[in-house]
Amino acid sequence: MQLSSYISELLYRHECVVIPGFGAFITRRVPAQHFATTHTLYPPKKGLSFNEQIQQNDGLLVNYISTVEQIPYEDAMQGIRDYVRFLDQEIDENGDITIHKVGRFTRSSENTLTFTPMYLVNYLPEAFGLTKQESYAINRTPVAQPIVEKEVEETPVIQLETPKTKSAAWVRVAAAVAILVAGSYAGLDSYQTQAFKDGIAIEQMADEQFKTKVQEASFLISTPLPSVTMEVAPIIKNFHVVAGAFRDPINADKKVAQLKEQGYAAERIGVNKYGLHNVAFGSFVERNDAINELYRLRKLGNENAWLLSGNLK
């Protein structure tokens, strides 16, 4: 009987879990914290403490063990008594004892228990998956930018020489040169226009030939590619949220049909050691997913739902 696991599971959803005859674990919500000296941000959590004075049985732990283990109430209570004797014996002989995922107990010189919680375990469901975050200080000292001097380019000055005299001969020479230049430009323009038209015609001919070659081309793959067969490992769901166990398989099938009408992925998940047919609300690959679903279902009124581990199909 793994009482440490049952205590840990109950701490996720309850603020107080009593071990009858030993003491009570009490949780309180601690907000997110930021330590400026180390630049570290811690997520919100449930702070855990222990009160040795609260030892009266409130029925929470014993009922949970009775439901999960499927044993009578008195057998579950006897298991708790044996566990308390084991804790006291270990503390007396070794001086300390550690409850997995909960914390460590030591006995002081005044014969009182001292409890040190497991700080790495966060029992706050809303903070699931959150871890501490470390940051670095930002240096906000302004950096002086160097001043770059731009070089100014000097614009060259072009000086035009003006003829000092304007004779009739100079005018005739200028007119002749203008006529020759105009004629040469006219001939050049006519030549460029014809060359441009010839270039377009050549490009159109090349394009037509390329289209013809593409239409006549045929592609043939002589050897087909081999087929590839992939084997996917089956998904194994070993954590089940059980709705009930039935002696008659017909009643189990009725329960499955009823849950499916309510929208659950219900199914029969095998026969337990007492010969009862288990019916589950659903099955999960991860234990945490199954625990979260169990808490959600109990909040909706399914107080008799419980968690079952193992491949039973």
C-alpha atoms as a PDB file:
ATOM      1  CA  MET A   1       0.000   0.000   0.000  1.00  0.00           C
ATOM      2  CA  GLN A   2       1.720   3.154  -1.261  1.00  0.00           C
ATOM      3  CA  LEU A   3       0.350   5.715   1.209  1.00  0.00           C
ATOM      4  CA  SER A   4       2.891   8.348   0.150  1.00  0.00           C
ATOM      5  CA  SER A   5       1.416   8.360  -3.374  1.00  0.00           C
ATOM      6  CA  TYR A   6      -2.141   8.670  -2.029  1.00  0.00           C
ATOM      7  CA  ILE A   7      -1.134  11.564   0.260  1.00  0.00           C
ATOM      8  CA  SER A   8       0.564  13.321  -2.666  1.00  0.00           C
ATOM      9  CA  GLU A   9      -2.494  12.891  -4.913  1.00  0.00           C
ATOM     10  CA  LEU A  10      -4.835  14.318  -2.277  1.00  0.00           C
ATOM     11  CA  LEU A  11      -2.626  17.365  -1.699  1.00  0.00           C
ATOM     12  CA  TYR A  12      -3.283  18.492  -5.295  1.00  0.00           C
ATOM     13  CA  ARG A  13      -6.985  19.114  -4.576  1.00  0.00           C
ATOM     14  CA  HIS A  14      -7.339  19.501  -0.803  1.00  0.00           C
ATOM     15  CA  GLU A  15      -5.997  22.097   1.598  1.00  0.00           C
ATOM     16  CA  CYS A  16      -5.664  19.669   4.504  1.00  0.00           C
ATOM     17  CA  VAL A  17      -4.774  15.951   4.500  1.00  0.00           C
ATOM     18  CA  VAL A  18      -4.775  14.222   7.876  1.00  0.00           C
ATOM     19  CA  ILE A  19      -2.843  11.042   8.685  1.00  0.00           C
ATOM     20  CA  PRO A  20      -4.863   9.735  11.665  1.00  0.00           C
ATOM     21  CA  GLY A  21      -2.643   9.307  14.723  1.00  0.00           C
ATOM     22  CA  PHE A  22       0.313  11.159  13.159  1.00  0.00           C
ATOM     23  CA  GLY A  23      -0.573  14.700  12.058  1.00  0.00           C
ATOM     24  CA  ALA A  24      -1.948  16.848   9.240  1.00  0.00           C
ATOM     25  CA  PHE A  25      -0.444  18.387   6.111  1.00  0.00           C
ATOM     26  CA  ILE A  26      -1.785  21.904   5.500  1.00  0.00           C
ATOM     27  CA  THR A  27      -1.414  23.835   2.242  1.00  0.00           C
ATOM     28  CA  ARG A  28      -1.688  27.560   1.546  1.00  0.00           C
ATOM     29  CA  ARG A  29      -1.515  29.448  -1.711  1.00  0.00           C
ATOM     30  CA  VAL A  30       1.730  31.392  -2.258  1.00  0.00           C
ATOM     31  CA  PRO A  31       1.717  34.021  -5.077  1.00  0.00           C
ATOM     32  CA  ALA A  32       4.444  34.313  -7.678  1.00  0.00           C
ATOM     33  CA  GLN A  33       7.651  35.783  -6.277  1.00  0.00           C
ATOM     34  CA  HIS A  34      10.482  37.813  -7.806  1.00  0.00           C
ATOM     35  CA  PHE A  35      13.912  38.085  -6.187  1.00  0.00           C
ATOM     36  CA  ALA A  36      15.681  41.168  -7.494  1.00  0.00           C
ATOM     37  CA  THR A  37      19.078  40.132  -6.132  1.00  0.00           C
ATOM     38  CA  THR A  38      19.177  36.933  -8.190  1.00  0.00           C
ATOM     39  CA  HIS A  39      16.873  38.153 -11.018  1.00  0.00           C
ATOM     40  CA  THR A  40      14.751  35.004 -10.537  1.00  0.00           C
ATOM     41  CA  LEU A  41      10.964  34.696 -10.946  1.00  0.00           C
ATOM     42  CA  TYR A  42       9.200  31.808  -9.157  1.00  0.00           C
ATOM     43  CA  PRO A  43       5.671  30.697 -10.218  1.00  0.00           C
ATOM     44  CA  PRO A  44       2.744  30.574  -7.749  1.00  0.00           C
ATOM     45  CA  LYS A  45       2.530  27.419  -5.663  1.00  0.00           C
ATOM     46  CA  LYS A  46       0.973  25.700  -2.675  1.00  0.00           C
ATOM     47  CA  GLY A  47       3.090  26.135   0.433  1.00  0.00           C
ATOM     48  CA  LEU A  48       3.113  22.957   2.529  1.00  0.00           C
ATOM     49  CA  SER A  49       3.357  22.755   6.349  1.00  0.00           C
ATOM     50  CA  PHE A  50       2.723  20.109   9.023  1.00  0.00           C
ATOM     51  CA  ASN A  51       0.676  20.291  12.250  1.00  0.00           C
ATOM     52  CA  GLU A  52       1.325  17.467  14.720  1.00  0.00           C
ATOM     53  CA  GLN A  53      -1.641  18.505  16.885  1.00  0.00           C
ATOM     54  CA  ILE A  54      -4.259  17.596  14.261  1.00  0.00           C
ATOM     55  CA  GLN A  55      -4.502  13.794  14.426  1.00  0.00           C
ATOM     56  CA  GLN A  56      -8.247  13.129  14.440  1.00  0.00           C
ATOM     57  CA  ASN A  57      -9.492  11.056  11.504  1.00  0.00           C
ATOM     58  CA  ASP A  58     -11.542  13.174   9.077  1.00  0.00           C
ATOM     59  CA  GLY A  59     -12.206  10.245   6.727  1.00  0.00           C
ATOM     60  CA  LEU A  60     -10.531  11.797   3.680  1.00  0.00           C
ATOM     61  CA  LEU A  61      -7.425   9.609   3.437  1.00  0.00           C
ATOM     62  CA  VAL A  62      -9.036   6.353   4.567  1.00  0.00           C
ATOM     63  CA  ASN A  63     -11.973   6.707   2.147  1.00  0.00           C
ATOM     64  CA  TYR A  64      -9.635   7.505  -0.720  1.00  0.00           C
ATOM     65  CA  ILE A  65      -7.504   4.403   0.015  1.00  0.00           C
ATOM     66  CA  SER A  66     -10.615   2.243   0.349  1.00  0.00           C
ATOM     67  CA  THR A  67     -11.910   3.437  -3.024  1.00  0.00           C
ATOM     68  CA  VAL A  68      -8.631   3.142  -4.951  1.00  0.00           C
ATOM     69  CA  GLU A  69      -7.561  -0.173  -3.442  1.00  0.00           C
ATOM     70  CA  GLN A  70     -11.140  -1.532  -3.479  1.00  0.00           C
ATOM     71  CA  ILE A  71     -10.825  -2.779   0.072  1.00  0.00           C
ATOM     72  CA  PRO A  72     -13.117  -2.397   3.096  1.00  0.00           C
ATOM     73  CA  TYR A  73     -12.942   0.732   5.209  1.00  0.00           C
ATOM     74  CA  GLU A  74     -11.496  -1.095   8.210  1.00  0.00           C
ATOM     75  CA  ASP A  75      -8.709  -2.666   6.108  1.00  0.00           C
ATOM     76  CA  ALA A  76      -7.768   0.776   4.821  1.00  0.00           C
ATOM     77  CA  MET A  77      -7.735   2.110   8.393  1.00  0.00           C
ATOM     78  CA  GLN A  78      -5.499  -0.737   9.513  1.00  0.00           C
ATOM     79  CA  GLY A  79      -3.096   0.048   6.666  1.00  0.00           C
ATOM     80  CA  ILE A  80      -2.837   3.648   7.922  1.00  0.00           C
ATOM     81  CA  ARG A  81      -2.109   2.439  11.488  1.00  0.00           C
ATOM     82  CA  ASP A  82       0.684   0.212  10.188  1.00  0.00           C
ATOM     83  CA  TYR A  83       2.102   3.106   8.179  1.00  0.00           C
ATOM     84  CA  VAL A  84       2.123   5.407  11.236  1.00  0.00           C
ATOM     85  CA  ARG A  85       3.948   2.752  13.285  1.00  0.00           C
ATOM     86  CA  PHE A  86       6.490   2.463  10.462  1.00  0.00           C
ATOM     87  CA  LEU A  87       7.063   6.243  10.444  1.00  0.00           C
ATOM     88  CA  ASP A  88       7.515   6.430  14.217  1.00  0.00           C
ATOM     89  CA  GLN A  89       9.908   3.472  14.220  1.00  0.00           C
ATOM     90  CA  GLU A  90      12.074   4.930  11.442  1.00  0.00           C
ATOM     91  CA  ILE A  91      12.278   8.310  13.179  1.00  0.00           C
ATOM     92  CA  ASP A  92      13.198   6.719  16.530  1.00  0.00           C
ATOM     93  CA  GLU A  93      15.847   4.425  15.036  1.00  0.00           C
ATOM     94  CA  ASN A  94      17.343   6.592  12.270  1.00  0.00           C
ATOM     95  CA  GLY A  95      16.452  10.067  13.427  1.00  0.00           C
ATOM     96  CA  ASP A  96      14.558  10.997  10.256  1.00  0.00           C
ATOM     97  CA  ILE A  97      12.181   9.711   7.584  1.00  0.00           C
ATOM     98  CA  THR A  98      11.291  11.055   4.112  1.00  0.00           C
ATOM     99  CA  ILE A  99       7.825  10.732   2.578  1.00  0.00           C
ATOM    100  CA  HIS A 100       8.215  10.678  -1.201  1.00  0.00           C
ATOM    101  CA  LYS A 101       7.069  13.906  -2.922  1.00  0.00           C
ATOM    102  CA  VAL A 102       5.928  15.333   0.449  1.00  0.00           C
ATOM    103  CA  GLY A 103       8.858  16.085   2.737  1.00  0.00           C
ATOM    104  CA  ARG A 104      11.328  15.005   5.422  1.00  0.00           C
ATOM    105  CA  PHE A 105      10.650  14.520   9.155  1.00  0.00           C
ATOM    106  CA  THR A 106      13.158  14.763  11.977  1.00  0.00           C
ATOM    107  CA  ARG A 107      12.650  14.688  15.749  1.00  0.00           C
ATOM    108  CA  SER A 108      14.091  17.547  17.805  1.00  0.00           C
ATOM    109  CA  SER A 109      15.619  17.360  21.272  1.00  0.00           C
ATOM    110  CA  GLU A 110      12.234  18.410  22.739  1.00  0.00           C
ATOM    111  CA  ASN A 111      10.704  15.282  21.139  1.00  0.00           C
ATOM    112  CA  THR A 112       8.744  17.325  18.590  1.00  0.00           C
ATOM    113  CA  LEU A 113       8.583  16.608  14.874  1.00  0.00           C
ATOM    114  CA  THR A 114      10.294  18.993  12.469  1.00  0.00           C
ATOM    115  CA  PHE A 115       9.006  18.963   8.894  1.00  0.00           C
ATOM    116  CA  THR A 116      10.901  20.146   5.791  1.00  0.00           C
ATOM    117  CA  PRO A 117       8.715  20.142   2.624  1.00  0.00           C
ATOM    118  CA  MET A 118       9.870  19.134  -0.843  1.00  0.00           C
ATOM    119  CA  TYR A 119      10.294  22.543  -2.489  1.00  0.00           C
ATOM    120  CA  LEU A 120      10.601  21.073  -6.000  1.00  0.00           C
ATOM    121  CA  VAL A 121       7.034  19.699  -5.861  1.00  0.00           C
ATOM    122  CA  ASN A 122       4.271  22.209  -6.658  1.00  0.00           C
ATOM    123  CA  TYR A 123       0.788  21.063  -5.597  1.00  0.00           C
ATOM    124  CA  LEU A 124      -0.975  23.996  -7.295  1.00  0.00           C
ATOM    125  CA  PRO A 125      -2.804  22.574 -10.383  1.00  0.00           C
ATOM    126  CA  GLU A 126      -2.933  25.997 -12.106  1.00  0.00           C
ATOM    127  CA  ALA A 127       0.885  26.170 -12.037  1.00  0.00           C
ATOM    128  CA  PHE A 128       1.394  22.763 -13.628  1.00  0.00           C
ATOM    129  CA  GLY A 129       4.435  22.825 -15.929  1.00  0.00           C
ATOM    130  CA  LEU A 130       5.680  26.237 -14.752  1.00  0.00           C
ATOM    131  CA  THR A 131       9.279  26.506 -13.554  1.00  0.00           C
ATOM    132  CA  LYS A 132      11.459  29.293 -12.222  1.00  0.00           C
ATOM    133  CA  GLN A 133      12.774  31.788 -14.771  1.00  0.00           C
ATOM    134  CA  GLU A 134      16.127  33.532 -14.539  1.00  0.00           C
ATOM    135  CA  SER A 135      16.857  36.846 -16.261  1.00  0.00           C
ATOM    136  CA  TYR A 136      19.805  39.170 -16.576  1.00  0.00           C
ATOM    137  CA  ALA A 137      20.110  42.833 -15.655  1.00  0.00           C
ATOM    138  CA  ILE A 138      20.023  45.214 -18.610  1.00  0.00           C
ATOM    139  CA  ASN A 139      22.820  47.770 -18.877  1.00  0.00           C
ATOM    140  CA  ARG A 140      20.994  51.019 -19.658  1.00  0.00           C
ATOM    141  CA  THR A 141      24.082  53.280 -19.780  1.00  0.00           C
ATOM    142  CA  PRO A 142      23.902  55.310 -23.015  1.00  0.00           C
ATOM    143  CA  VAL A 143      26.741  54.700 -25.457  1.00  0.00           C
ATOM    144  CA  ALA A 144      28.251  57.762 -27.132  1.00  0.00           C
ATOM    145  CA  GLN A 145      28.079  57.553 -30.896  1.00  0.00           C
ATOM    146  CA  PRO A 146      31.185  58.699 -32.846  1.00  0.00           C
ATOM    147  CA  ILE A 147      30.744  61.766 -35.062  1.00  0.00           C
ATOM    148  CA  VAL A 148      31.642  61.097 -38.676  1.00  0.00           C
ATOM    149  CA  GLU A 149      32.585  64.081 -40.787  1.00  0.00           C
ATOM    150  CA  LYS A 150      31.299  63.925 -44.343  1.00  0.00           C
ATOM    151  CA  GLU A 151      33.662  64.899 -47.123  1.00  0.00           C
ATOM    152  CA  VAL A 152      32.291  67.548 -49.439  1.00  0.00           C
ATOM    153  CA  GLU A 153      32.984  66.835 -53.058  1.00  0.00           C
ATOM    154  CA  GLU A 154      33.916  69.819 -55.165  1.00  0.00           C
ATOM    155  CA  THR A 155      31.813  70.350 -58.266  1.00  0.00           C
ATOM    156  CA  PRO A 156      33.985  70.877 -61.320  1.00  0.00           C
ATOM    157  CA  VAL A 157      33.438  74.079 -63.140  1.00  0.00           C
ATOM    158  CA  ILE A 158      33.271  73.901 -66.902  1.00  0.00           C
ATOM    159  CA  GLN A 159      34.351  76.977 -68.704  1.00  0.00           C
ATOM    160  CA  LEU A 160      33.008  77.604 -72.178  1.00  0.00           C
ATOM    161  CA  GLU A 161      35.074  79.509 -74.643  1.00  0.00           C
ATOM    162  CA  THR A 162      33.118  82.062 -76.556  1.00  0.00           C
ATOM    163  CA  PRO A 163      34.411  83.065 -79.983  1.00  0.00           C
ATOM    164  CA  LYS A 164      35.461  86.630 -79.999  1.00  0.00           C
ATOM    165  CA  THR A 165      34.275  87.292 -83.522  1.00  0.00           C
ATOM    166  CA  LYS A 166      31.216  86.202 -85.457  1.00  0.00           C
ATOM    167  CA  SER A 167      32.117  86.322 -89.073  1.00  0.00           C
ATOM    168  CA  ALA A 168      30.022  85.151 -92.029  1.00  0.00           C
ATOM    169  CA  ALA A 169      32.414  82.227 -92.618  1.00  0.00           C
ATOM    170  CA  TRP A 170      31.920  80.915 -89.128  1.00  0.00           C
ATOM    171  CA  VAL A 171      28.135  80.986 -89.574  1.00  0.00           C
ATOM    172  CA  ARG A 172      28.358  78.982 -92.820  1.00  0.00           C
ATOM    173  CA  VAL A 173      30.574  76.332 -91.225  1.00  0.00           C
ATOM    174  CA  ALA A 174      28.195  75.954 -88.255  1.00  0.00           C
ATOM    175  CA  ALA A 175      25.205  75.525 -90.573  1.00  0.00           C
ATOM    176  CA  ALA A 176      26.953  72.800 -92.573  1.00  0.00           C
ATOM    177  CA  VAL A 177      27.890  70.882 -89.439  1.00  0.00           C
ATOM    178  CA  ALA A 178      24.297  71.060 -88.167  1.00  0.00           C
ATOM    179  CA  ILE A 179      22.966  69.607 -91.419  1.00  0.00           C
ATOM    180  CA  LEU A 180      25.442  66.713 -91.334  1.00  0.00           C
ATOM    181  CA  VAL A 181      24.627  65.891 -87.685  1.00  0.00           C
ATOM    182  CA  ALA A 182      20.891  65.970 -88.314  1.00  0.00           C
ATOM    183  CA  GLY A 183      21.273  63.604 -91.240  1.00  0.00           C
ATOM    184  CA  SER A 184      23.385  61.170 -89.312  1.00  0.00           C
ATOM    185  CA  TYR A 185      20.831  61.078 -86.453  1.00  0.00           C
ATOM    186  CA  ALA A 186      18.018  60.404 -88.869  1.00  0.00           C
ATOM    187  CA  GLY A 187      19.931  57.490 -90.429  1.00  0.00           C
ATOM    188  CA  LEU A 188      20.843  56.085 -87.035  1.00  0.00           C
ATOM    189  CA  ASP A 189      17.251  56.226 -85.837  1.00  0.00           C
ATOM    190  CA  SER A 190      16.031  54.364 -88.928  1.00  0.00           C
ATOM    191  CA  TYR A 191      18.719  51.692 -88.413  1.00  0.00           C
ATOM    192  CA  GLN A 192      17.839  51.183 -84.739  1.00  0.00           C
ATOM    193  CA  THR A 193      14.129  50.840 -85.492  1.00  0.00           C
ATOM    194  CA  GLN A 194      14.732  48.127 -88.085  1.00  0.00           C
ATOM    195  CA  ALA A 195      17.153  46.262 -85.750  1.00  0.00           C
ATOM    196  CA  PHE A 196      14.579  46.319 -82.950  1.00  0.00           C
ATOM    197  CA  LYS A 197      11.892  44.841 -85.237  1.00  0.00           C
ATOM    198  CA  ASP A 198      14.292  42.103 -86.406  1.00  0.00           C
ATOM    199  CA  GLY A 199      15.112  41.212 -82.789  1.00  0.00           C
ATOM    200  CA  ILE A 200      11.416  40.786 -81.900  1.00  0.00           C
ATOM    201  CA  ALA A 201      10.883  38.529 -84.904  1.00  0.00           C
ATOM    202  CA  ILE A 202      13.840  36.315 -83.926  1.00  0.00           C
ATOM    203  CA  GLU A 203      12.556  35.982 -80.349  1.00  0.00           C
ATOM    204  CA  GLN A 204       9.086  34.970 -81.589  1.00  0.00           C
ATOM    205  CA  MET A 205      10.592  32.284 -83.843  1.00  0.00           C
ATOM    206  CA  ALA A 206      12.689  30.885 -80.969  1.00  0.00           C
ATOM    207  CA  ASP A 207       9.639  30.829 -78.677  1.00  0.00           C
ATOM    208  CA  GLU A 208       7.570  28.907 -81.255  1.00  0.00           C
ATOM    209  CA  GLN A 209      10.340  26.332 -81.709  1.00  0.00           C
ATOM    210  CA  PHE A 210      10.636  25.855 -77.932  1.00  0.00           C
ATOM    211  CA  LYS A 211       6.880  25.286 -77.545  1.00  0.00           C
ATOM    212  CA  THR A 212       6.964  22.720 -80.366  1.00  0.00           C
ATOM    213  CA  LYS A 213       9.816  20.776 -78.718  1.00  0.00           C
ATOM    214  CA  VAL A 214       8.004  20.735 -75.372  1.00  0.00           C
ATOM    215  CA  GLN A 215       4.780  19.420 -76.934  1.00  0.00           C
ATOM    216  CA  GLU A 216       6.654  16.658 -78.780  1.00  0.00           C
ATOM    217  CA  ALA A 217       8.665  15.582 -75.693  1.00  0.00           C
ATOM    218  CA  SER A 218       7.489  12.539 -73.733  1.00  0.00           C
ATOM    219  CA  PHE A 219       8.657  11.333 -70.327  1.00  0.00           C
ATOM    220  CA  LEU A 220       8.725   7.659 -69.355  1.00  0.00           C
ATOM    221  CA  ILE A 221       9.831   6.114 -66.027  1.00  0.00           C
ATOM    222  CA  SER A 222      10.881   2.574 -66.758  1.00  0.00           C
ATOM    223  CA  THR A 223      11.366   1.458 -63.141  1.00  0.00           C
ATOM    224  CA  PRO A 224       8.691   2.532 -60.620  1.00  0.00           C
ATOM    225  CA  LEU A 225       9.759   3.613 -57.144  1.00  0.00           C
ATOM    226  CA  PRO A 226       9.446   0.940 -54.432  1.00  0.00           C
ATOM    227  CA  SER A 227       6.629   1.304 -51.906  1.00  0.00           C
ATOM    228  CA  VAL A 228       7.538   2.183 -48.333  1.00  0.00           C
ATOM    229  CA  THR A 229       5.835   0.496 -45.376  1.00  0.00           C
ATOM    230  CA  MET A 230       6.042   2.195 -41.979  1.00  0.00           C
ATOM    231  CA  GLU A 231       5.089   0.572 -38.698  1.00  0.00           C
ATOM    232  CA  VAL A 232       3.751   2.919 -36.015  1.00  0.00           C
ATOM    233  CA  ALA A 233       4.079   1.864 -32.401  1.00  0.00           C
ATOM    234  CA  PRO A 234       0.680   1.537 -30.690  1.00  0.00           C
ATOM    235  CA  ILE A 235      -0.305   4.117 -28.086  1.00  0.00           C
ATOM    236  CA  ILE A 236      -0.582   2.418 -24.692  1.00  0.00           C
ATOM    237  CA  LYS A 237      -2.950   4.000 -22.177  1.00  0.00           C
ATOM    238  CA  ASN A 238      -2.172   2.565 -18.745  1.00  0.00           C
ATOM    239  CA  PHE A 239      -3.987   5.121 -16.561  1.00  0.00           C
ATOM    240  CA  HIS A 240      -7.766   4.878 -16.291  1.00  0.00           C
ATOM    241  CA  VAL A 241     -10.403   6.993 -14.542  1.00  0.00           C
ATOM    242  CA  VAL A 242     -12.898   4.341 -13.399  1.00  0.00           C
ATOM    243  CA  ALA A 243     -16.621   5.065 -13.124  1.00  0.00           C
ATOM    244  CA  GLY A 244     -17.564   1.736 -11.494  1.00  0.00           C
ATOM    245  CA  ALA A 245     -17.114  -2.020 -11.343  1.00  0.00           C
ATOM    246  CA  PHE A 246     -19.923  -4.507 -12.072  1.00  0.00           C
ATOM    247  CA  ARG A 247     -20.372  -8.197 -11.420  1.00  0.00           C
ATOM    248  CA  ASP A 248     -22.717  -8.614 -14.405  1.00  0.00           C
ATOM    249  CA  PRO A 249     -21.111  -7.672 -17.773  1.00  0.00           C
ATOM    250  CA  ILE A 250     -24.568  -6.630 -19.053  1.00  0.00           C
ATOM    251  CA  ASN A 251     -24.728  -3.917 -16.392  1.00  0.00           C
ATOM    252  CA  ALA A 252     -21.199  -2.852 -17.323  1.00  0.00           C
ATOM    253  CA  ASP A 253     -22.263  -2.456 -20.973  1.00  0.00           C
ATOM    254  CA  LYS A 254     -25.285  -0.410 -19.894  1.00  0.00           C
ATOM    255  CA  LYS A 255     -23.006   1.916 -17.920  1.00  0.00           C
ATOM    256  CA  VAL A 256     -20.714   2.289 -20.954  1.00  0.00           C
ATOM    257  CA  ALA A 257     -23.667   3.234 -23.159  1.00  0.00           C
ATOM    258  CA  GLN A 258     -24.925   5.715 -20.565  1.00  0.00           C
ATOM    259  CA  LEU A 259     -21.535   7.453 -20.322  1.00  0.00           C
ATOM    260  CA  LYS A 260     -21.133   7.590 -24.104  1.00  0.00           C
ATOM    261  CA  GLU A 261     -24.494   9.376 -24.340  1.00  0.00           C
ATOM    262  CA  GLN A 262     -23.066  11.959 -21.917  1.00  0.00           C
ATOM    263  CA  GLY A 263     -20.081  12.536 -24.207  1.00  0.00           C
ATOM    264  CA  TYR A 264     -17.402  10.432 -22.489  1.00  0.00           C
ATOM    265  CA  ALA A 265     -15.029   8.039 -24.296  1.00  0.00           C
ATOM    266  CA  ALA A 266     -16.220   5.256 -21.986  1.00  0.00           C
ATOM    267  CA  GLU A 267     -15.306   1.575 -22.367  1.00  0.00           C
ATOM    268  CA  ARG A 268     -14.849  -1.639 -20.440  1.00  0.00           C
ATOM    269  CA  ILE A 269     -11.212  -2.053 -19.411  1.00  0.00           C
ATOM    270  CA  GLY A 270     -11.059  -5.626 -18.176  1.00  0.00           C
ATOM    271  CA  VAL A 271     -11.862  -7.689 -15.116  1.00  0.00           C
ATOM    272  CA  ASN A 272     -10.161  -7.067 -11.760  1.00  0.00           C
ATOM    273  CA  LYS A 273      -8.998  -9.676  -9.250  1.00  0.00           C
ATOM    274  CA  TYR A 274     -12.466  -9.758  -7.633  1.00  0.00           C
ATOM    275  CA  GLY A 275     -14.132 -10.744 -10.905  1.00  0.00           C
ATOM    276  CA  LEU A 276     -15.716  -7.311 -11.444  1.00  0.00           C
ATOM    277  CA  HIS A 277     -15.910  -5.667 -14.882  1.00  0.00           C
ATOM    278  CA  ASN A 278     -14.360  -2.197 -14.745  1.00  0.00           C
ATOM    279  CA  VAL A 279     -15.918   0.678 -16.688  1.00  0.00           C
ATOM    280  CA  ALA A 280     -13.796   3.786 -17.287  1.00  0.00           C
ATOM    281  CA  PHE A 281     -14.746   7.346 -18.167  1.00  0.00           C
ATOM    282  CA  GLY A 282     -11.549   7.377 -20.268  1.00  0.00           C
ATOM    283  CA  SER A 283      -7.954   6.161 -20.411  1.00  0.00           C
ATOM    284  CA  PHE A 284      -4.742   8.198 -20.664  1.00  0.00           C
ATOM    285  CA  VAL A 285      -1.079   7.766 -21.560  1.00  0.00           C
ATOM    286  CA  GLU A 286       0.244  10.136 -18.860  1.00  0.00           C
ATOM    287  CA  ARG A 287      -0.566   9.772 -15.155  1.00  0.00           C
ATOM    288  CA  ASN A 288      -0.894  13.538 -14.642  1.00  0.00           C
ATOM    289  CA  ASP A 289      -3.545  13.761 -17.380  1.00  0.00           C
ATOM    290  CA  ALA A 290      -5.541  11.011 -15.673  1.00  0.00           C
ATOM    291  CA  ILE A 291      -5.277  12.736 -12.251  1.00  0.00           C
ATOM    292  CA  ASN A 292      -6.434  16.068 -13.700  1.00  0.00           C
ATOM    293  CA  GLU A 293      -9.430  14.357 -15.325  1.00  0.00           C
ATOM    294  CA  LEU A 294     -10.227  12.582 -12.035  1.00  0.00           C
ATOM    295  CA  TYR A 295     -10.294  15.909 -10.165  1.00  0.00           C
ATOM    296  CA  ARG A 296     -12.453  17.484 -12.862  1.00  0.00           C
ATOM    297  CA  LEU A 297     -14.982  14.637 -12.754  1.00  0.00           C
ATOM    298  CA  ARG A 298     -15.222  14.771  -8.960  1.00  0.00           C
ATOM    299  CA  LYS A 299     -15.907  18.489  -9.104  1.00  0.00           C
ATOM    300  CA  LEU A 300     -18.778  17.703 -11.504  1.00  0.00           C
ATOM    301  CA  GLY A 301     -20.337  15.388  -8.895  1.00  0.00           C
ATOM    302  CA  ASN A 302     -18.747  12.028  -9.742  1.00  0.00           C
ATOM    303  CA  GLU A 303     -17.378  11.502  -6.219  1.00  0.00           C
ATOM    304  CA  ASN A 304     -17.071   7.722  -6.683  1.00  0.00           C
ATOM    305  CA  ALA A 305     -14.634   8.035  -9.609  1.00  0.00           C
ATOM    306  CA  TRP A 306     -11.159   6.669  -8.882  1.00  0.00           C
ATOM    307  CA  LEU A 307      -7.818   6.111 -10.571  1.00  0.00           C
ATOM    308  CA  LEU A 308      -6.638   2.711 -11.805  1.00  0.00           C
ATOM    309  CA  SER A 309      -3.183   1.973 -13.257  1.00  0.00           C
ATOM    310  CA  GLY A 310      -2.119  -0.869 -15.529  1.00  0.00           C
ATOM    311  CA  ASN A 311      -2.799  -2.363 -18.952  1.00  0.00           C
ATOM    312  CA  LEU A 312      -6.033  -4.288 -18.310  1.00  0.00           C
ATOM    313  CA  LYS A 313      -7.328  -4.729 -21.877  1.00  0.00           C
END
